[in-house]
Amino acid sequence: MHSEFGIISKKSAKAINKYRKMGGRIIAVGTTVLRLLESSKDENGIIKGFNGETDIYIKPGSNINSVDGLITNFHTPRSSLLLLVYAFIGEKKTKKLYEYAIKKKLRFFSYGDACLLWKT
């Protein structure tokens, strides 16, 4: 899995945790943000400050508990990011969503159409 650099300040981590504790939903905007949040959390999904690279590989079976939603593009077949989507909403839902995207001629790849996914 490739590495990506990112920073989650202690102040941001505190704000995310506070908002979630109040019942708010956390939405990662992009797979990089999700990977950074997952790298910075503890076993209970509590976000900690983070400054560095993540090479976390999110795949089916991963315990994603840092966010409730994810905004991401439609990813290519056999890609690590498609496996991330499988891990987030399940293979069956992902395949149904992608069938819809193909039928409606939505754009794939990094600058394609995006979708909001809610964690299953």
N, C-alpha and C. Protein backbone atom coordinates (compact mmCIF):
# COMPACT_ATOMS: atom_id res chain seq x y z
N MET A 1 0.86 -1.18 0.00
CA MET A 1 0.00 0.00 0.00
C MET A 1 0.89 1.23 0.00
N HIS A 2 0.54 2.21 -0.79
CA HIS A 2 1.34 3.43 -0.86
C HIS A 2 1.18 4.26 0.42
N SER A 3 2.17 5.08 0.67
CA SER A 3 2.15 5.96 1.84
C SER A 3 1.59 7.32 1.46
N GLU A 4 0.94 7.95 2.42
CA GLU A 4 0.43 9.31 2.25
C GLU A 4 0.74 10.08 3.52
N PHE A 5 1.12 11.34 3.36
CA PHE A 5 1.45 12.20 4.48
C PHE A 5 0.25 13.03 4.88
N GLY A 6 0.10 13.25 6.17
CA GLY A 6 -0.96 14.12 6.64
C GLY A 6 -0.77 14.52 8.07
N ILE A 7 -1.52 15.54 8.47
CA ILE A 7 -1.47 16.06 9.83
C ILE A 7 -2.89 16.19 10.36
N ILE A 8 -3.11 15.68 11.55
CA ILE A 8 -4.33 15.93 12.30
C ILE A 8 -3.87 16.57 13.60
N SER A 9 -4.16 17.84 13.75
CA SER A 9 -3.70 18.55 14.95
C SER A 9 -4.46 18.02 16.18
N LYS A 10 -3.87 18.22 17.34
CA LYS A 10 -4.55 17.83 18.58
C LYS A 10 -5.87 18.59 18.73
N LYS A 11 -5.86 19.85 18.29
CA LYS A 11 -7.06 20.67 18.36
C LYS A 11 -8.16 20.09 17.47
N SER A 12 -7.80 19.68 16.25
CA SER A 12 -8.78 19.07 15.34
C SER A 12 -9.28 17.73 15.89
N ALA A 13 -8.37 16.93 16.41
CA ALA A 13 -8.76 15.64 16.99
C ALA A 13 -9.75 15.85 18.13
N LYS A 14 -9.48 16.83 18.97
CA LYS A 14 -10.38 17.13 20.09
C LYS A 14 -11.76 17.56 19.59
N ALA A 15 -11.78 18.40 18.56
CA ALA A 15 -13.05 18.87 18.01
C ALA A 15 -13.85 17.72 17.39
N ILE A 16 -13.17 16.83 16.67
CA ILE A 16 -13.85 15.67 16.06
C ILE A 16 -14.45 14.80 17.15
N ASN A 17 -13.67 14.49 18.17
CA ASN A 17 -14.15 13.63 19.26
C ASN A 17 -15.31 14.27 20.01
N LYS A 18 -15.23 15.58 20.25
CA LYS A 18 -16.30 16.29 20.95
C LYS A 18 -17.59 16.26 20.12
N TYR A 19 -17.47 16.54 18.84
CA TYR A 19 -18.64 16.56 17.97
C TYR A 19 -19.30 15.18 17.92
N ARG A 20 -18.48 14.16 17.81
CA ARG A 20 -19.02 12.79 17.76
C ARG A 20 -19.69 12.42 19.08
N LYS A 21 -19.10 12.81 20.20
CA LYS A 21 -19.66 12.51 21.52
C LYS A 21 -21.03 13.17 21.70
N MET A 22 -21.22 14.33 21.03
CA MET A 22 -22.50 15.04 21.09
C MET A 22 -23.53 14.43 20.14
N GLY A 23 -23.15 13.38 19.42
CA GLY A 23 -24.09 12.73 18.51
C GLY A 23 -23.91 13.09 17.05
N GLY A 24 -22.92 13.93 16.76
CA GLY A 24 -22.66 14.32 15.37
C GLY A 24 -22.04 13.19 14.58
N ARG A 25 -22.21 13.25 13.28
CA ARG A 25 -21.61 12.25 12.40
C ARG A 25 -20.37 12.83 11.75
N ILE A 26 -19.35 12.00 11.65
CA ILE A 26 -18.07 12.40 11.07
C ILE A 26 -18.00 11.84 9.66
N ILE A 27 -17.70 12.71 8.70
CA ILE A 27 -17.59 12.31 7.30
C ILE A 27 -16.18 12.62 6.81
N ALA A 28 -15.49 11.60 6.34
CA ALA A 28 -14.16 11.78 5.75
C ALA A 28 -14.35 12.21 4.30
N VAL A 29 -13.68 13.27 3.90
CA VAL A 29 -13.74 13.73 2.52
C VAL A 29 -12.49 13.19 1.83
N GLY A 30 -12.63 12.03 1.24
CA GLY A 30 -11.55 11.38 0.52
C GLY A 30 -10.94 10.22 1.28
N THR A 31 -10.37 9.31 0.53
CA THR A 31 -9.76 8.12 1.11
C THR A 31 -8.51 8.45 1.92
N THR A 32 -7.79 9.50 1.55
CA THR A 32 -6.61 9.89 2.32
C THR A 32 -7.02 10.31 3.72
N VAL A 33 -8.08 11.10 3.83
CA VAL A 33 -8.57 11.54 5.14
C VAL A 33 -8.99 10.32 5.96
N LEU A 34 -9.70 9.39 5.35
CA LEU A 34 -10.11 8.19 6.08
C LEU A 34 -8.89 7.42 6.57
N ARG A 35 -7.90 7.25 5.72
CA ARG A 35 -6.69 6.52 6.11
C ARG A 35 -5.96 7.23 7.26
N LEU A 36 -5.91 8.56 7.21
CA LEU A 36 -5.26 9.31 8.28
C LEU A 36 -6.02 9.20 9.59
N LEU A 37 -7.34 9.31 9.53
CA LEU A 37 -8.14 9.18 10.75
C LEU A 37 -8.02 7.77 11.34
N GLU A 38 -8.06 6.77 10.49
CA GLU A 38 -7.92 5.39 10.97
C GLU A 38 -6.53 5.15 11.56
N SER A 39 -5.52 5.82 11.04
CA SER A 39 -4.15 5.68 11.56
C SER A 39 -3.98 6.39 12.89
N SER A 40 -4.80 7.40 13.14
CA SER A 40 -4.62 8.23 14.34
C SER A 40 -5.50 7.80 15.51
N LYS A 41 -6.38 6.84 15.31
CA LYS A 41 -7.36 6.48 16.33
C LYS A 41 -6.80 5.46 17.32
N ASP A 42 -7.50 5.34 18.46
CA ASP A 42 -7.22 4.24 19.36
C ASP A 42 -8.23 3.12 19.07
N GLU A 43 -8.21 2.08 19.87
CA GLU A 43 -9.08 0.92 19.61
C GLU A 43 -10.57 1.24 19.71
N ASN A 44 -10.92 2.34 20.38
CA ASN A 44 -12.32 2.74 20.52
C ASN A 44 -12.76 3.77 19.47
N GLY A 45 -11.89 4.09 18.53
CA GLY A 45 -12.22 5.06 17.50
C GLY A 45 -11.99 6.49 17.91
N ILE A 46 -11.34 6.71 19.05
CA ILE A 46 -11.05 8.07 19.52
C ILE A 46 -9.84 8.58 18.73
N ILE A 47 -10.00 9.75 18.11
CA ILE A 47 -8.96 10.33 17.27
C ILE A 47 -7.90 11.01 18.13
N LYS A 48 -6.66 10.76 17.79
CA LYS A 48 -5.52 11.38 18.45
C LYS A 48 -4.80 12.27 17.43
N GLY A 49 -3.98 13.17 17.88
CA GLY A 49 -3.17 13.97 16.97
C GLY A 49 -2.28 13.06 16.13
N PHE A 50 -1.98 13.48 14.91
CA PHE A 50 -1.18 12.67 13.99
C PHE A 50 -0.38 13.59 13.10
N ASN A 51 0.88 13.24 12.88
CA ASN A 51 1.73 14.01 11.99
C ASN A 51 2.73 13.04 11.38
N GLY A 52 2.49 12.66 10.14
CA GLY A 52 3.40 11.72 9.51
C GLY A 52 2.77 11.03 8.32
N GLU A 53 3.32 9.88 8.00
CA GLU A 53 2.84 9.10 6.86
C GLU A 53 2.03 7.91 7.35
N THR A 54 1.04 7.57 6.58
CA THR A 54 0.27 6.37 6.84
C THR A 54 0.41 5.43 5.64
N ASP A 55 0.57 4.17 5.95
CA ASP A 55 0.56 3.17 4.89
C ASP A 55 -0.51 2.11 5.21
N ILE A 56 -1.47 2.52 6.03
CA ILE A 56 -2.55 1.63 6.44
C ILE A 56 -3.28 1.11 5.19
N TYR A 57 -3.58 -0.17 5.21
CA TYR A 57 -4.27 -0.83 4.10
C TYR A 57 -5.65 -1.23 4.59
N ILE A 58 -6.66 -0.46 4.21
CA ILE A 58 -8.03 -0.73 4.64
C ILE A 58 -8.66 -1.66 3.62
N LYS A 59 -9.07 -2.82 4.10
CA LYS A 59 -9.64 -3.86 3.23
C LYS A 59 -10.74 -4.56 4.00
N PRO A 60 -11.53 -5.39 3.33
CA PRO A 60 -12.58 -6.10 4.06
C PRO A 60 -12.02 -6.79 5.30
N GLY A 61 -12.74 -6.62 6.40
CA GLY A 61 -12.29 -7.15 7.68
C GLY A 61 -11.66 -6.09 8.57
N SER A 62 -11.32 -4.93 7.98
CA SER A 62 -10.74 -3.83 8.77
C SER A 62 -11.81 -3.26 9.71
N ASN A 63 -11.39 -2.83 10.88
CA ASN A 63 -12.32 -2.24 11.85
C ASN A 63 -12.33 -0.72 11.67
N ILE A 64 -13.20 -0.25 10.81
CA ILE A 64 -13.31 1.19 10.54
C ILE A 64 -14.28 1.76 11.57
N ASN A 65 -13.76 2.55 12.51
CA ASN A 65 -14.64 3.13 13.52
C ASN A 65 -14.31 4.58 13.84
N SER A 66 -13.66 5.25 12.91
CA SER A 66 -13.32 6.66 13.12
C SER A 66 -14.31 7.61 12.45
N VAL A 67 -15.09 7.11 11.49
CA VAL A 67 -16.02 7.95 10.74
C VAL A 67 -17.34 7.23 10.52
N ASP A 68 -18.33 8.03 10.15
CA ASP A 68 -19.66 7.49 9.83
C ASP A 68 -19.93 7.50 8.33
N GLY A 69 -19.27 8.40 7.62
CA GLY A 69 -19.48 8.54 6.19
C GLY A 69 -18.18 8.82 5.46
N LEU A 70 -18.22 8.62 4.14
CA LEU A 70 -17.05 8.85 3.30
C LEU A 70 -17.50 9.42 1.97
N ILE A 71 -16.89 10.52 1.57
CA ILE A 71 -17.09 11.06 0.22
C ILE A 71 -15.87 10.63 -0.59
N THR A 72 -16.11 9.94 -1.69
CA THR A 72 -15.02 9.46 -2.52
C THR A 72 -15.47 9.33 -3.96
N ASN A 73 -14.50 9.21 -4.85
CA ASN A 73 -14.79 8.99 -6.27
C ASN A 73 -15.09 7.52 -6.51
N PHE A 74 -15.50 7.20 -7.72
CA PHE A 74 -15.65 5.81 -8.13
C PHE A 74 -14.26 5.32 -8.54
N HIS A 75 -13.80 4.25 -7.89
CA HIS A 75 -12.45 3.75 -8.09
C HIS A 75 -12.43 2.60 -9.10
N THR A 76 -11.26 2.38 -9.67
CA THR A 76 -11.12 1.39 -10.74
C THR A 76 -11.14 -0.03 -10.17
N PRO A 77 -11.54 -0.99 -11.01
CA PRO A 77 -11.55 -2.39 -10.58
C PRO A 77 -10.15 -2.84 -10.16
N ARG A 78 -10.12 -3.77 -9.22
CA ARG A 78 -8.88 -4.38 -8.73
C ARG A 78 -7.93 -3.38 -8.09
N SER A 79 -8.45 -2.25 -7.60
CA SER A 79 -7.59 -1.26 -6.94
C SER A 79 -7.72 -1.39 -5.42
N SER A 80 -6.69 -0.94 -4.72
CA SER A 80 -6.72 -0.96 -3.26
C SER A 80 -7.82 -0.05 -2.72
N LEU A 81 -8.12 1.02 -3.44
CA LEU A 81 -9.16 1.94 -2.97
C LEU A 81 -10.56 1.36 -3.16
N LEU A 82 -10.74 0.51 -4.16
CA LEU A 82 -12.02 -0.19 -4.30
C LEU A 82 -12.19 -1.16 -3.12
N LEU A 83 -11.12 -1.81 -2.70
CA LEU A 83 -11.20 -2.68 -1.52
C LEU A 83 -11.55 -1.87 -0.27
N LEU A 84 -11.06 -0.64 -0.19
CA LEU A 84 -11.41 0.24 0.92
C LEU A 84 -12.92 0.47 0.93
N VAL A 85 -13.50 0.70 -0.23
CA VAL A 85 -14.95 0.91 -0.33
C VAL A 85 -15.69 -0.38 0.07
N TYR A 86 -15.19 -1.54 -0.37
CA TYR A 86 -15.77 -2.83 0.06
C TYR A 86 -15.77 -2.91 1.59
N ALA A 87 -14.66 -2.52 2.20
CA ALA A 87 -14.54 -2.58 3.66
C ALA A 87 -15.53 -1.63 4.32
N PHE A 88 -15.82 -0.53 3.67
CA PHE A 88 -16.66 0.51 4.27
C PHE A 88 -18.15 0.18 4.17
N ILE A 89 -18.61 -0.25 2.99
CA ILE A 89 -20.05 -0.49 2.82
C ILE A 89 -20.40 -1.93 2.45
N GLY A 90 -19.39 -2.75 2.24
CA GLY A 90 -19.65 -4.14 1.88
C GLY A 90 -19.57 -4.36 0.38
N GLU A 91 -19.20 -5.58 0.01
CA GLU A 91 -19.03 -5.90 -1.41
C GLU A 91 -20.34 -5.84 -2.18
N LYS A 92 -21.41 -6.37 -1.60
CA LYS A 92 -22.69 -6.40 -2.30
C LYS A 92 -23.20 -4.99 -2.61
N LYS A 93 -23.18 -4.11 -1.62
CA LYS A 93 -23.62 -2.72 -1.83
C LYS A 93 -22.72 -2.00 -2.84
N THR A 94 -21.43 -2.26 -2.74
CA THR A 94 -20.48 -1.62 -3.66
C THR A 94 -20.78 -2.03 -5.10
N LYS A 95 -20.97 -3.30 -5.32
CA LYS A 95 -21.26 -3.78 -6.68
C LYS A 95 -22.56 -3.19 -7.21
N LYS A 96 -23.58 -3.09 -6.36
CA LYS A 96 -24.85 -2.49 -6.78
C LYS A 96 -24.66 -1.01 -7.12
N LEU A 97 -23.91 -0.30 -6.32
CA LEU A 97 -23.62 1.11 -6.56
C LEU A 97 -22.86 1.30 -7.87
N TYR A 98 -21.88 0.45 -8.11
CA TYR A 98 -21.07 0.56 -9.32
C TYR A 98 -21.87 0.19 -10.56
N GLU A 99 -22.78 -0.77 -10.45
CA GLU A 99 -23.67 -1.09 -11.58
C GLU A 99 -24.50 0.13 -11.95
N TYR A 100 -25.01 0.83 -10.94
CA TYR A 100 -25.77 2.05 -11.16
C TYR A 100 -24.90 3.11 -11.84
N ALA A 101 -23.68 3.28 -11.34
CA ALA A 101 -22.77 4.28 -11.90
C ALA A 101 -22.45 3.99 -13.37
N ILE A 102 -22.25 2.74 -13.69
CA ILE A 102 -21.97 2.35 -15.09
C ILE A 102 -23.19 2.61 -15.95
N LYS A 103 -24.35 2.22 -15.46
CA LYS A 103 -25.61 2.41 -16.20
C LYS A 103 -25.86 3.90 -16.49
N LYS A 104 -25.58 4.74 -15.51
CA LYS A 104 -25.82 6.18 -15.65
C LYS A 104 -24.64 6.92 -16.29
N LYS A 105 -23.61 6.17 -16.68
CA LYS A 105 -22.42 6.72 -17.34
C LYS A 105 -21.71 7.77 -16.49
N LEU A 106 -21.61 7.47 -15.19
CA LEU A 106 -20.85 8.34 -14.31
C LEU A 106 -19.37 8.15 -14.59
N ARG A 107 -18.60 9.14 -14.23
CA ARG A 107 -17.16 9.11 -14.51
C ARG A 107 -16.40 8.46 -13.35
N PHE A 108 -15.40 7.68 -13.69
CA PHE A 108 -14.57 7.00 -12.71
C PHE A 108 -13.22 7.73 -12.62
N PHE A 109 -12.31 7.19 -11.84
CA PHE A 109 -10.95 7.70 -11.63
C PHE A 109 -10.93 8.90 -10.69
N SER A 110 -9.77 9.48 -10.51
CA SER A 110 -9.55 10.52 -9.51
C SER A 110 -10.37 11.78 -9.74
N TYR A 111 -10.64 12.13 -10.98
CA TYR A 111 -11.40 13.35 -11.24
C TYR A 111 -12.79 13.04 -11.76
N GLY A 112 -13.31 11.91 -11.35
CA GLY A 112 -14.64 11.51 -11.78
C GLY A 112 -15.71 11.96 -10.82
N ASP A 113 -16.87 11.36 -10.97
CA ASP A 113 -17.99 11.67 -10.08
C ASP A 113 -17.72 11.11 -8.69
N ALA A 114 -18.29 11.74 -7.72
CA ALA A 114 -18.10 11.31 -6.33
C ALA A 114 -19.42 10.84 -5.75
N CYS A 115 -19.32 10.16 -4.62
CA CYS A 115 -20.52 9.69 -3.94
C CYS A 115 -20.31 9.81 -2.43
N LEU A 116 -21.40 9.89 -1.71
CA LEU A 116 -21.37 9.89 -0.26
C LEU A 116 -21.79 8.50 0.21
N LEU A 117 -20.93 7.84 0.95
CA LEU A 117 -21.19 6.51 1.44
C LEU A 117 -21.38 6.57 2.94
N TRP A 118 -22.41 5.90 3.44
CA TRP A 118 -22.62 5.78 4.87
C TRP A 118 -22.17 4.41 5.32
N LYS A 119 -21.44 4.35 6.39
CA LYS A 119 -20.88 3.10 6.90
C LYS A 119 -21.99 2.11 7.26
N THR A 120 -21.75 0.87 6.90
CA THR A 120 -22.74 -0.18 7.23
C THR A 120 -22.47 -0.75 8.59
